[in-house]
Amino acid sequence: MGWSTAELVAAAANAGAFASIASSMFDTSEALREEIRRTKRLTDRPFGVNINLFPAMKPKNVDEYVDAVLDEGVRVVETAGRSPEELVDRVKSGGATLIHKCARLRDARKAESVGVDIVEIVGGECGGHPSREQIGSLVLIPQVVDAVSVPVVGGGGIGDARGFVATLALGVDGVIMGTRFLATNECRVHGNMKNRMIEAQSTESMLTLGSVGDPMRALKTAIVTEVLAMEERGTTLEELLTVVAGEKTRQAVIEGDIDNSLLPCGQIVGMVSEVTSVRDLIEGIMQEAGAIYDRIGGILGKA
């Protein structure tokens, strides 16, 4: 999740979940190092760092970022965006586990073939960058579970205990959730954006940038509506980038400028009804999951 900074990651770790710092939030590897150190001051539990391999207007030096992660003693690296093949040996020789997040069955197979330790797979409901194939999680996740032998973490459209249990039932070893954690006290996203999420319907999780081959699912705002109109007119990638430039839209999210915010956000936004602490969210999910497990057990026991 692009808004995973020290406070959010540490809060998740302290509540018994696993989270990764988003390296894309930091303009230099030194800034990432400091964020890792801040996280360590807030928790003594494991956490990871996501290395973004997506194309960017201002590409970061991936080697420097990986060095920072390994030098600081982080033992889980998560990648996304393209094949992590060039990083596999380096990450493993640095003593870290490599998780690769993808959105297509063939990419999951490829990730396993190049040596990743864990595959994360997300369906078309997810926020951020779903596959152009737009296959839903209920269909995609079990296919990946059947296709690879490494552990699988599944997500996309998961926002409460019902989705959590349902995803486990698909055969995964873990469940990934993103959008729901945007509406937590510890997330850096401005309160205006969190309130906008509470008001939003699932239909306001909009697919943009599909015309340039890299679809992004984001919360409907004025700038998202503008981008969709530009795509309808056949606007070029260069023109689109002047509108969706990362730093400008990221700052708008931080400052609460809703009209100019581009906030990756999945369809689960329609189920977000309140802002909570990370701990309350996680503990509530786990408690309700136990009740769901008991209910299902009762139903099966009568079969």
C-alpha atoms as a PDB file:
ATOM      1  CA  MET A   1       0.000   0.000   0.000  1.00  0.00           C
ATOM      2  CA  GLY A   2       1.481   3.305  -1.118  1.00  0.00           C
ATOM      3  CA  TRP A   3       0.801   5.046   2.193  1.00  0.00           C
ATOM      4  CA  SER A   4       2.565   2.589   4.497  1.00  0.00           C
ATOM      5  CA  THR A   5       4.907   4.649   6.660  1.00  0.00           C
ATOM      6  CA  ALA A   6       6.474   3.924  10.043  1.00  0.00           C
ATOM      7  CA  GLU A   7       3.413   4.661  12.194  1.00  0.00           C
ATOM      8  CA  LEU A   8       1.079   2.457  10.166  1.00  0.00           C
ATOM      9  CA  VAL A   9       3.565  -0.381   9.716  1.00  0.00           C
ATOM     10  CA  ALA A  10       4.540  -0.443  13.392  1.00  0.00           C
ATOM     11  CA  ALA A  11       0.909  -0.288  14.516  1.00  0.00           C
ATOM     12  CA  ALA A  12       0.096  -3.287  12.342  1.00  0.00           C
ATOM     13  CA  ALA A  13       3.120  -5.201  13.622  1.00  0.00           C
ATOM     14  CA  ASN A  14       2.273  -4.445  17.241  1.00  0.00           C
ATOM     15  CA  ALA A  15      -1.290  -5.676  16.654  1.00  0.00           C
ATOM     16  CA  GLY A  16      -0.083  -8.999  15.247  1.00  0.00           C
ATOM     17  CA  ALA A  17      -0.238  -8.341  11.501  1.00  0.00           C
ATOM     18  CA  PHE A  18       2.544  -7.920   8.957  1.00  0.00           C
ATOM     19  CA  ALA A  19       3.043  -4.741   6.951  1.00  0.00           C
ATOM     20  CA  SER A  20       5.649  -3.244   4.634  1.00  0.00           C
ATOM     21  CA  ILE A  21       7.001   0.290   4.359  1.00  0.00           C
ATOM     22  CA  ALA A  22       6.325   1.740   0.904  1.00  0.00           C
ATOM     23  CA  SER A  23       9.725   2.780  -0.441  1.00  0.00           C
ATOM     24  CA  SER A  24       7.969   4.827  -3.143  1.00  0.00           C
ATOM     25  CA  MET A  25       7.064   7.371  -0.456  1.00  0.00           C
ATOM     26  CA  PHE A  26      10.710   8.351  -0.077  1.00  0.00           C
ATOM     27  CA  ASP A  27      12.745  10.299  -2.603  1.00  0.00           C
ATOM     28  CA  THR A  28      16.130   8.994  -1.487  1.00  0.00           C
ATOM     29  CA  SER A  29      17.502   5.766  -0.079  1.00  0.00           C
ATOM     30  CA  GLU A  30      18.736   7.726   2.948  1.00  0.00           C
ATOM     31  CA  ALA A  31      15.179   8.849   3.679  1.00  0.00           C
ATOM     32  CA  LEU A  32      14.087   5.216   3.446  1.00  0.00           C
ATOM     33  CA  ARG A  33      16.837   4.225   5.885  1.00  0.00           C
ATOM     34  CA  GLU A  34      15.568   6.752   8.402  1.00  0.00           C
ATOM     35  CA  GLU A  35      12.003   5.481   8.004  1.00  0.00           C
ATOM     36  CA  ILE A  36      13.188   1.928   8.690  1.00  0.00           C
ATOM     37  CA  ARG A  37      14.938   3.159  11.825  1.00  0.00           C
ATOM     38  CA  ARG A  38      11.823   5.055  12.925  1.00  0.00           C
ATOM     39  CA  THR A  39       9.783   1.890  12.481  1.00  0.00           C
ATOM     40  CA  LYS A  40      12.234  -0.066  14.607  1.00  0.00           C
ATOM     41  CA  ARG A  41      11.873   2.507  17.361  1.00  0.00           C
ATOM     42  CA  LEU A  42       8.110   1.930  17.299  1.00  0.00           C
ATOM     43  CA  THR A  43       8.078  -1.891  17.186  1.00  0.00           C
ATOM     44  CA  ASP A  44      10.326  -4.857  17.865  1.00  0.00           C
ATOM     45  CA  ARG A  45       8.251  -7.125  15.624  1.00  0.00           C
ATOM     46  CA  PRO A  46       8.943  -8.120  12.010  1.00  0.00           C
ATOM     47  CA  PHE A  47       8.035  -5.841   9.110  1.00  0.00           C
ATOM     48  CA  GLY A  48       9.061  -5.527   5.479  1.00  0.00           C
ATOM     49  CA  VAL A  49       9.806  -2.956   2.794  1.00  0.00           C
ATOM     50  CA  ASN A  50       8.101  -2.769  -0.581  1.00  0.00           C
ATOM     51  CA  ILE A  51      10.366  -2.023  -3.544  1.00  0.00           C
ATOM     52  CA  ASN A  52       8.321  -0.490  -6.339  1.00  0.00           C
ATOM     53  CA  LEU A  53       9.363  -1.749  -9.792  1.00  0.00           C
ATOM     54  CA  PHE A  54       6.608   0.056 -11.714  1.00  0.00           C
ATOM     55  CA  PRO A  55       7.661   2.567 -14.397  1.00  0.00           C
ATOM     56  CA  ALA A  56       7.932   6.085 -12.968  1.00  0.00           C
ATOM     57  CA  MET A  57       8.516   9.630 -14.184  1.00  0.00           C
ATOM     58  CA  LYS A  58      11.463   9.879 -11.815  1.00  0.00           C
ATOM     59  CA  PRO A  59      12.831   6.336 -11.478  1.00  0.00           C
ATOM     60  CA  LYS A  60      14.589   5.554  -8.234  1.00  0.00           C
ATOM     61  CA  ASN A  61      17.873   3.685  -7.970  1.00  0.00           C
ATOM     62  CA  VAL A  62      16.566   0.235  -7.065  1.00  0.00           C
ATOM     63  CA  ASP A  63      20.023  -1.033  -6.118  1.00  0.00           C
ATOM     64  CA  GLU A  64      20.473   1.754  -3.582  1.00  0.00           C
ATOM     65  CA  TYR A  65      17.059   1.099  -2.070  1.00  0.00           C
ATOM     66  CA  VAL A  66      17.670  -2.651  -1.791  1.00  0.00           C
ATOM     67  CA  ASP A  67      21.061  -1.936  -0.176  1.00  0.00           C
ATOM     68  CA  ALA A  68      19.355   0.324   2.362  1.00  0.00           C
ATOM     69  CA  VAL A  69      16.782  -2.337   3.224  1.00  0.00           C
ATOM     70  CA  LEU A  70      19.328  -5.125   3.682  1.00  0.00           C
ATOM     71  CA  ASP A  71      21.895  -2.936   5.459  1.00  0.00           C
ATOM     72  CA  GLU A  72      19.251  -1.886   7.987  1.00  0.00           C
ATOM     73  CA  GLY A  73      18.483  -5.512   8.796  1.00  0.00           C
ATOM     74  CA  VAL A  74      15.019  -5.793   7.266  1.00  0.00           C
ATOM     75  CA  ARG A  75      14.434  -9.449   6.511  1.00  0.00           C
ATOM     76  CA  VAL A  76      11.415  -9.273   4.194  1.00  0.00           C
ATOM     77  CA  VAL A  77      11.448  -7.538   0.811  1.00  0.00           C
ATOM     78  CA  GLU A  78       8.238  -7.170  -1.182  1.00  0.00           C
ATOM     79  CA  THR A  79       8.372  -6.287  -4.880  1.00  0.00           C
ATOM     80  CA  ALA A  80       5.678  -5.301  -7.372  1.00  0.00           C
ATOM     81  CA  GLY A  81       5.427  -3.876 -10.866  1.00  0.00           C
ATOM     82  CA  ARG A  82       7.548  -6.236 -12.975  1.00  0.00           C
ATOM     83  CA  SER A  83       9.540  -9.433 -12.593  1.00  0.00           C
ATOM     84  CA  PRO A  84      11.948  -9.280  -9.634  1.00  0.00           C
ATOM     85  CA  GLU A  85      14.309 -11.787 -11.276  1.00  0.00           C
ATOM     86  CA  GLU A  86      17.304  -9.444 -11.142  1.00  0.00           C
ATOM     87  CA  LEU A  87      16.874  -9.030  -7.377  1.00  0.00           C
ATOM     88  CA  VAL A  88      16.318 -12.635  -6.294  1.00  0.00           C
ATOM     89  CA  ASP A  89      19.924 -13.656  -5.637  1.00  0.00           C
ATOM     90  CA  ARG A  90      20.765 -10.341  -4.035  1.00  0.00           C
ATOM     91  CA  VAL A  91      17.845 -10.364  -1.637  1.00  0.00           C
ATOM     92  CA  LYS A  92      18.362 -13.983  -0.636  1.00  0.00           C
ATOM     93  CA  SER A  93      22.123 -13.592  -0.192  1.00  0.00           C
ATOM     94  CA  GLY A  94      21.293 -10.668   2.082  1.00  0.00           C
ATOM     95  CA  GLY A  95      19.352 -13.036   4.311  1.00  0.00           C
ATOM     96  CA  ALA A  96      15.902 -11.760   3.400  1.00  0.00           C
ATOM     97  CA  THR A  97      12.698 -13.406   2.214  1.00  0.00           C
ATOM     98  CA  LEU A  98      11.399 -12.184  -1.147  1.00  0.00           C
ATOM     99  CA  ILE A  99       7.652 -11.701  -1.660  1.00  0.00           C
ATOM    100  CA  HIS A 100       6.387 -10.689  -5.089  1.00  0.00           C
ATOM    101  CA  LYS A 101       2.980  -9.074  -5.554  1.00  0.00           C
ATOM    102  CA  CYS A 102       1.260  -9.582  -8.893  1.00  0.00           C
ATOM    103  CA  ALA A 103      -2.172  -9.538 -10.490  1.00  0.00           C
ATOM    104  CA  ARG A 104      -2.080 -12.277 -13.159  1.00  0.00           C
ATOM    105  CA  LEU A 105      -1.784 -16.042 -13.048  1.00  0.00           C
ATOM    106  CA  ARG A 106       1.109 -16.065 -15.512  1.00  0.00           C
ATOM    107  CA  ASP A 107       2.992 -13.513 -13.421  1.00  0.00           C
ATOM    108  CA  ALA A 108       2.571 -15.686 -10.333  1.00  0.00           C
ATOM    109  CA  ARG A 109       4.023 -18.643 -12.222  1.00  0.00           C
ATOM    110  CA  LYS A 110       6.886 -16.498 -13.472  1.00  0.00           C
ATOM    111  CA  ALA A 111       7.632 -15.240  -9.971  1.00  0.00           C
ATOM    112  CA  GLU A 112       7.883 -18.787  -8.669  1.00  0.00           C
ATOM    113  CA  SER A 113      10.106 -19.821 -11.576  1.00  0.00           C
ATOM    114  CA  VAL A 114      12.654 -17.077 -10.857  1.00  0.00           C
ATOM    115  CA  GLY A 115      12.855 -18.051  -7.197  1.00  0.00           C
ATOM    116  CA  VAL A 116      10.639 -15.841  -5.061  1.00  0.00           C
ATOM    117  CA  ASP A 117       9.735 -17.258  -1.652  1.00  0.00           C
ATOM    118  CA  ILE A 118       6.110 -16.105  -1.487  1.00  0.00           C
ATOM    119  CA  VAL A 119       3.607 -14.964  -4.127  1.00  0.00           C
ATOM    120  CA  GLU A 120       0.971 -12.320  -3.443  1.00  0.00           C
ATOM    121  CA  ILE A 121      -1.932 -12.267  -5.879  1.00  0.00           C
ATOM    122  CA  VAL A 122      -4.664  -9.619  -6.069  1.00  0.00           C
ATOM    123  CA  GLY A 123      -7.882  -9.660  -8.074  1.00  0.00           C
ATOM    124  CA  GLY A 124      -9.411  -6.924 -10.199  1.00  0.00           C
ATOM    125  CA  GLU A 125     -11.224  -5.356  -7.227  1.00  0.00           C
ATOM    126  CA  CYS A 126      -7.953  -4.190  -5.667  1.00  0.00           C
ATOM    127  CA  GLY A 127      -6.827  -0.599  -5.355  1.00  0.00           C
ATOM    128  CA  GLY A 128      -3.707   0.533  -7.157  1.00  0.00           C
ATOM    129  CA  HIS A 129      -2.698  -1.546 -10.160  1.00  0.00           C
ATOM    130  CA  PRO A 130      -4.977  -4.480 -10.977  1.00  0.00           C
ATOM    131  CA  SER A 131      -4.470  -6.597 -14.056  1.00  0.00           C
ATOM    132  CA  ARG A 132      -5.806  -5.482 -17.415  1.00  0.00           C
ATOM    133  CA  GLU A 133      -7.526  -8.892 -17.454  1.00  0.00           C
ATOM    134  CA  GLN A 134      -9.785  -7.765 -14.582  1.00  0.00           C
ATOM    135  CA  ILE A 135     -10.333 -11.240 -13.124  1.00  0.00           C
ATOM    136  CA  GLY A 136     -11.990 -11.144  -9.709  1.00  0.00           C
ATOM    137  CA  SER A 137     -10.324 -12.496  -6.592  1.00  0.00           C
ATOM    138  CA  LEU A 138     -12.717 -15.414  -6.082  1.00  0.00           C
ATOM    139  CA  VAL A 139     -11.738 -16.746  -9.504  1.00  0.00           C
ATOM    140  CA  LEU A 140      -8.083 -15.729  -9.689  1.00  0.00           C
ATOM    141  CA  ILE A 141      -6.793 -16.671  -6.230  1.00  0.00           C
ATOM    142  CA  PRO A 142      -7.627 -20.406  -6.280  1.00  0.00           C
ATOM    143  CA  GLN A 143      -6.098 -20.701  -9.742  1.00  0.00           C
ATOM    144  CA  VAL A 144      -2.830 -19.320  -8.407  1.00  0.00           C
ATOM    145  CA  VAL A 145      -2.984 -21.563  -5.333  1.00  0.00           C
ATOM    146  CA  ASP A 146      -3.292 -24.555  -7.655  1.00  0.00           C
ATOM    147  CA  ALA A 147      -0.563 -23.346 -10.028  1.00  0.00           C
ATOM    148  CA  VAL A 148       2.360 -22.686  -7.670  1.00  0.00           C
ATOM    149  CA  SER A 149       4.007 -24.592  -4.850  1.00  0.00           C
ATOM    150  CA  VAL A 150       5.289 -21.613  -2.850  1.00  0.00           C
ATOM    151  CA  PRO A 151       3.073 -20.015  -0.185  1.00  0.00           C
ATOM    152  CA  VAL A 152       0.377 -17.700  -1.553  1.00  0.00           C
ATOM    153  CA  VAL A 153      -1.079 -14.543  -0.038  1.00  0.00           C
ATOM    154  CA  GLY A 154      -4.367 -13.419  -1.587  1.00  0.00           C
ATOM    155  CA  GLY A 155      -6.212 -10.130  -1.706  1.00  0.00           C
ATOM    156  CA  GLY A 156      -8.322  -7.676  -3.649  1.00  0.00           C
ATOM    157  CA  GLY A 157     -11.727  -6.695  -2.293  1.00  0.00           C
ATOM    158  CA  ILE A 158     -10.995  -7.713   1.303  1.00  0.00           C
ATOM    159  CA  GLY A 159     -12.147  -5.291   3.971  1.00  0.00           C
ATOM    160  CA  ASP A 160     -13.620  -7.206   6.887  1.00  0.00           C
ATOM    161  CA  ALA A 161     -13.704 -10.599   8.596  1.00  0.00           C
ATOM    162  CA  ARG A 162     -16.060 -12.069   6.003  1.00  0.00           C
ATOM    163  CA  GLY A 163     -13.617 -11.362   3.193  1.00  0.00           C
ATOM    164  CA  PHE A 164     -10.722 -12.503   5.367  1.00  0.00           C
ATOM    165  CA  VAL A 165     -12.300 -15.905   6.062  1.00  0.00           C
ATOM    166  CA  ALA A 166     -13.509 -16.290   2.477  1.00  0.00           C
ATOM    167  CA  THR A 167      -9.982 -15.713   1.166  1.00  0.00           C
ATOM    168  CA  LEU A 168      -8.526 -18.260   3.570  1.00  0.00           C
ATOM    169  CA  ALA A 169     -11.106 -20.713   2.259  1.00  0.00           C
ATOM    170  CA  LEU A 170      -9.620 -20.284  -1.217  1.00  0.00           C
ATOM    171  CA  GLY A 171      -6.460 -22.010  -0.012  1.00  0.00           C
ATOM    172  CA  VAL A 172      -4.095 -19.132   0.691  1.00  0.00           C
ATOM    173  CA  ASP A 173      -1.534 -18.986   3.471  1.00  0.00           C
ATOM    174  CA  GLY A 174      -2.254 -15.344   4.233  1.00  0.00           C
ATOM    175  CA  VAL A 175      -4.532 -12.448   3.351  1.00  0.00           C
ATOM    176  CA  ILE A 176      -3.472  -9.014   2.117  1.00  0.00           C
ATOM    177  CA  MET A 177      -5.602  -5.921   2.775  1.00  0.00           C
ATOM    178  CA  GLY A 178      -4.879  -2.374   1.652  1.00  0.00           C
ATOM    179  CA  THR A 179      -7.767   0.018   1.117  1.00  0.00           C
ATOM    180  CA  ARG A 180      -9.392  -0.605   4.515  1.00  0.00           C
ATOM    181  CA  PHE A 181      -6.172   0.440   6.250  1.00  0.00           C
ATOM    182  CA  LEU A 182      -6.247   3.841   4.532  1.00  0.00           C
ATOM    183  CA  ALA A 183      -9.123   4.711   6.878  1.00  0.00           C
ATOM    184  CA  THR A 184      -7.136   4.211  10.080  1.00  0.00           C
ATOM    185  CA  ASN A 185      -5.821   6.761  12.551  1.00  0.00           C
ATOM    186  CA  GLU A 186      -2.212   5.831  11.869  1.00  0.00           C
ATOM    187  CA  CYS A 187      -2.386   6.253   8.092  1.00  0.00           C
ATOM    188  CA  ARG A 188      -0.863   9.497   6.806  1.00  0.00           C
ATOM    189  CA  VAL A 189      -3.765  10.154   4.418  1.00  0.00           C
ATOM    190  CA  HIS A 190      -5.554  13.393   5.386  1.00  0.00           C
ATOM    191  CA  GLY A 191      -8.803  13.201   7.332  1.00  0.00           C
ATOM    192  CA  ASN A 192     -10.659  14.826   4.421  1.00  0.00           C
ATOM    193  CA  MET A 193      -9.752  11.844   2.247  1.00  0.00           C
ATOM    194  CA  LYS A 194     -10.752   9.363   4.945  1.00  0.00           C
ATOM    195  CA  ASN A 195     -14.147  11.055   5.255  1.00  0.00           C
ATOM    196  CA  ARG A 196     -14.478  10.946   1.474  1.00  0.00           C
ATOM    197  CA  MET A 197     -13.863   7.183   1.646  1.00  0.00           C
ATOM    198  CA  ILE A 198     -16.616   6.753   4.225  1.00  0.00           C
ATOM    199  CA  GLU A 199     -19.047   8.554   1.902  1.00  0.00           C
ATOM    200  CA  ALA A 200     -17.973   6.672  -1.235  1.00  0.00           C
ATOM    201  CA  GLN A 201     -19.753   3.798  -2.937  1.00  0.00           C
ATOM    202  CA  SER A 202     -17.949   0.856  -4.501  1.00  0.00           C
ATOM    203  CA  THR A 203     -18.763   2.311  -7.927  1.00  0.00           C
ATOM    204  CA  GLU A 204     -16.544   5.281  -7.057  1.00  0.00           C
ATOM    205  CA  SER A 205     -13.461   3.079  -7.170  1.00  0.00           C
ATOM    206  CA  MET A 206     -12.579   4.022 -10.739  1.00  0.00           C
ATOM    207  CA  LEU A 207     -10.276   2.392 -13.276  1.00  0.00           C
ATOM    208  CA  THR A 208      -8.008   5.001 -14.866  1.00  0.00           C
ATOM    209  CA  LEU A 209      -4.976   4.985 -17.188  1.00  0.00           C
ATOM    210  CA  GLY A 210      -6.177   1.867 -18.956  1.00  0.00           C
ATOM    211  CA  SER A 211      -5.643   3.642 -22.279  1.00  0.00           C
ATOM    212  CA  VAL A 212      -1.875   3.657 -21.681  1.00  0.00           C
ATOM    213  CA  GLY A 213      -1.722  -0.002 -20.684  1.00  0.00           C
ATOM    214  CA  ASP A 214      -1.195   0.417 -16.944  1.00  0.00           C
ATOM    215  CA  PRO A 215      -4.635   0.630 -15.300  1.00  0.00           C
ATOM    216  CA  MET A 216      -4.950   2.152 -11.845  1.00  0.00           C
ATOM    217  CA  ARG A 217      -7.989   1.822  -9.608  1.00  0.00           C
ATOM    218  CA  ALA A 218      -8.431   5.049  -7.634  1.00  0.00           C
ATOM    219  CA  LEU A 219     -11.057   6.902  -5.621  1.00  0.00           C
ATOM    220  CA  LYS A 220     -13.268   9.178  -7.710  1.00  0.00           C
ATOM    221  CA  THR A 221     -12.209  12.813  -7.359  1.00  0.00           C
ATOM    222  CA  ALA A 222     -12.198  15.788  -9.731  1.00  0.00           C
ATOM    223  CA  ILE A 223      -8.767  14.908 -11.053  1.00  0.00           C
ATOM    224  CA  VAL A 224      -9.744  11.272 -11.649  1.00  0.00           C
ATOM    225  CA  THR A 225     -12.805  12.464 -13.594  1.00  0.00           C
ATOM    226  CA  GLU A 226     -10.538  14.750 -15.629  1.00  0.00           C
ATOM    227  CA  VAL A 227      -8.147  11.898 -16.407  1.00  0.00           C
ATOM    228  CA  LEU A 228     -11.007   9.682 -17.590  1.00  0.00           C
ATOM    229  CA  ALA A 229     -12.248  12.466 -19.874  1.00  0.00           C
ATOM    230  CA  MET A 230      -8.740  12.933 -21.272  1.00  0.00           C
ATOM    231  CA  GLU A 231      -8.488   9.217 -21.979  1.00  0.00           C
ATOM    232  CA  GLU A 232     -11.844   9.296 -23.729  1.00  0.00           C
ATOM    233  CA  ARG A 233     -10.440  11.998 -26.039  1.00  0.00           C
ATOM    234  CA  GLY A 234      -7.374   9.873 -26.804  1.00  0.00           C
ATOM    235  CA  THR A 235      -4.890  11.944 -24.824  1.00  0.00           C
ATOM    236  CA  THR A 236      -1.247  10.883 -24.988  1.00  0.00           C
ATOM    237  CA  LEU A 237       0.704   9.453 -22.061  1.00  0.00           C
ATOM    238  CA  GLU A 238       2.846  12.594 -21.920  1.00  0.00           C
ATOM    239  CA  GLU A 239      -0.240  14.767 -21.477  1.00  0.00           C
ATOM    240  CA  LEU A 240      -1.705  12.463 -18.850  1.00  0.00           C
ATOM    241  CA  LEU A 241       1.510  12.556 -16.848  1.00  0.00           C
ATOM    242  CA  THR A 242       1.258  16.320 -16.502  1.00  0.00           C
ATOM    243  CA  VAL A 243      -2.002  15.758 -14.605  1.00  0.00           C
ATOM    244  CA  VAL A 244      -1.200  12.655 -12.563  1.00  0.00           C
ATOM    245  CA  ALA A 245       2.404  13.467 -11.652  1.00  0.00           C
ATOM    246  CA  GLY A 246       3.136  11.570  -8.449  1.00  0.00           C
ATOM    247  CA  GLU A 247       4.427  14.343  -6.205  1.00  0.00           C
ATOM    248  CA  LYS A 248       1.589  16.764  -6.940  1.00  0.00           C
ATOM    249  CA  THR A 249      -1.222  14.285  -6.378  1.00  0.00           C
ATOM    250  CA  ARG A 250       0.538  12.710  -3.396  1.00  0.00           C
ATOM    251  CA  GLN A 251       0.845  16.097  -1.689  1.00  0.00           C
ATOM    252  CA  ALA A 252      -2.833  16.748  -2.329  1.00  0.00           C
ATOM    253  CA  VAL A 253      -3.723  13.520  -0.475  1.00  0.00           C
ATOM    254  CA  ILE A 254      -1.539  14.580   2.464  1.00  0.00           C
ATOM    255  CA  GLU A 255      -3.014  18.092   2.570  1.00  0.00           C
ATOM    256  CA  GLY A 256      -6.610  16.960   2.126  1.00  0.00           C
ATOM    257  CA  ASP A 257      -7.128  18.628  -1.257  1.00  0.00           C
ATOM    258  CA  ILE A 258      -9.757  16.149  -2.449  1.00  0.00           C
ATOM    259  CA  ASP A 259     -10.228  17.575  -5.954  1.00  0.00           C
ATOM    260  CA  ASN A 260      -6.533  17.171  -6.809  1.00  0.00           C
ATOM    261  CA  SER A 261      -5.984  13.850  -5.030  1.00  0.00           C
ATOM    262  CA  LEU A 262      -5.226  10.604  -6.825  1.00  0.00           C
ATOM    263  CA  LEU A 263      -5.727   7.997  -4.106  1.00  0.00           C
ATOM    264  CA  PRO A 264      -5.385   4.326  -5.130  1.00  0.00           C
ATOM    265  CA  CYS A 265      -8.468   2.718  -3.679  1.00  0.00           C
ATOM    266  CA  GLY A 266     -10.227  -0.616  -4.209  1.00  0.00           C
ATOM    267  CA  GLN A 267     -13.911  -1.452  -4.541  1.00  0.00           C
ATOM    268  CA  ILE A 268     -13.987  -2.372  -0.859  1.00  0.00           C
ATOM    269  CA  VAL A 269     -14.236   1.390  -0.191  1.00  0.00           C
ATOM    270  CA  GLY A 270     -18.016   0.955  -0.311  1.00  0.00           C
ATOM    271  CA  MET A 271     -17.791  -1.033   2.929  1.00  0.00           C
ATOM    272  CA  VAL A 272     -15.697   1.504   4.854  1.00  0.00           C
ATOM    273  CA  SER A 273     -17.980   3.090   7.437  1.00  0.00           C
ATOM    274  CA  GLU A 274     -15.618   4.537  10.033  1.00  0.00           C
ATOM    275  CA  VAL A 275     -12.045   5.505  10.828  1.00  0.00           C
ATOM    276  CA  THR A 276     -10.512   3.281  13.491  1.00  0.00           C
ATOM    277  CA  SER A 277      -7.142   2.535  15.008  1.00  0.00           C
ATOM    278  CA  VAL A 278      -5.119  -0.198  13.340  1.00  0.00           C
ATOM    279  CA  ARG A 279      -5.294  -2.305  16.488  1.00  0.00           C
ATOM    280  CA  ASP A 280      -9.073  -2.037  16.769  1.00  0.00           C
ATOM    281  CA  LEU A 281      -9.442  -2.927  13.101  1.00  0.00           C
ATOM    282  CA  ILE A 282      -7.236  -6.024  13.314  1.00  0.00           C
ATOM    283  CA  GLU A 283      -8.648  -7.250  16.613  1.00  0.00           C
ATOM    284  CA  GLY A 284     -12.203  -6.739  15.358  1.00  0.00           C
ATOM    285  CA  ILE A 285     -11.491  -8.758  12.217  1.00  0.00           C
ATOM    286  CA  MET A 286      -9.956 -11.612  14.185  1.00  0.00           C
ATOM    287  CA  GLN A 287     -12.781 -11.739  16.714  1.00  0.00           C
ATOM    288  CA  GLU A 288     -15.443 -11.738  14.014  1.00  0.00           C
ATOM    289  CA  ALA A 289     -13.488 -14.327  12.018  1.00  0.00           C
ATOM    290  CA  GLY A 290     -13.739 -16.680  14.986  1.00  0.00           C
ATOM    291  CA  ALA A 291     -17.503 -16.201  15.109  1.00  0.00           C
ATOM    292  CA  ILE A 292     -17.761 -16.852  11.355  1.00  0.00           C
ATOM    293  CA  TYR A 293     -15.678 -20.000  11.738  1.00  0.00           C
ATOM    294  CA  ASP A 294     -18.034 -21.248  14.449  1.00  0.00           C
ATOM    295  CA  ARG A 295     -21.093 -20.440  12.337  1.00  0.00           C
ATOM    296  CA  ILE A 296     -19.709 -22.271   9.301  1.00  0.00           C
ATOM    297  CA  GLY A 297     -18.771 -25.209  11.478  1.00  0.00           C
ATOM    298  CA  GLY A 298     -22.313 -25.366  12.724  1.00  0.00           C
ATOM    299  CA  ILE A 299     -23.711 -25.323   9.200  1.00  0.00           C
ATOM    300  CA  LEU A 300     -21.357 -28.059   8.023  1.00  0.00           C
ATOM    301  CA  GLY A 301     -22.110 -30.094  11.103  1.00  0.00           C
ATOM    302  CA  LYS A 302     -25.762 -30.241  10.094  1.00  0.00           C
ATOM    303  CA  ALA A 303     -24.997 -31.324   6.531  1.00  0.00           C
END
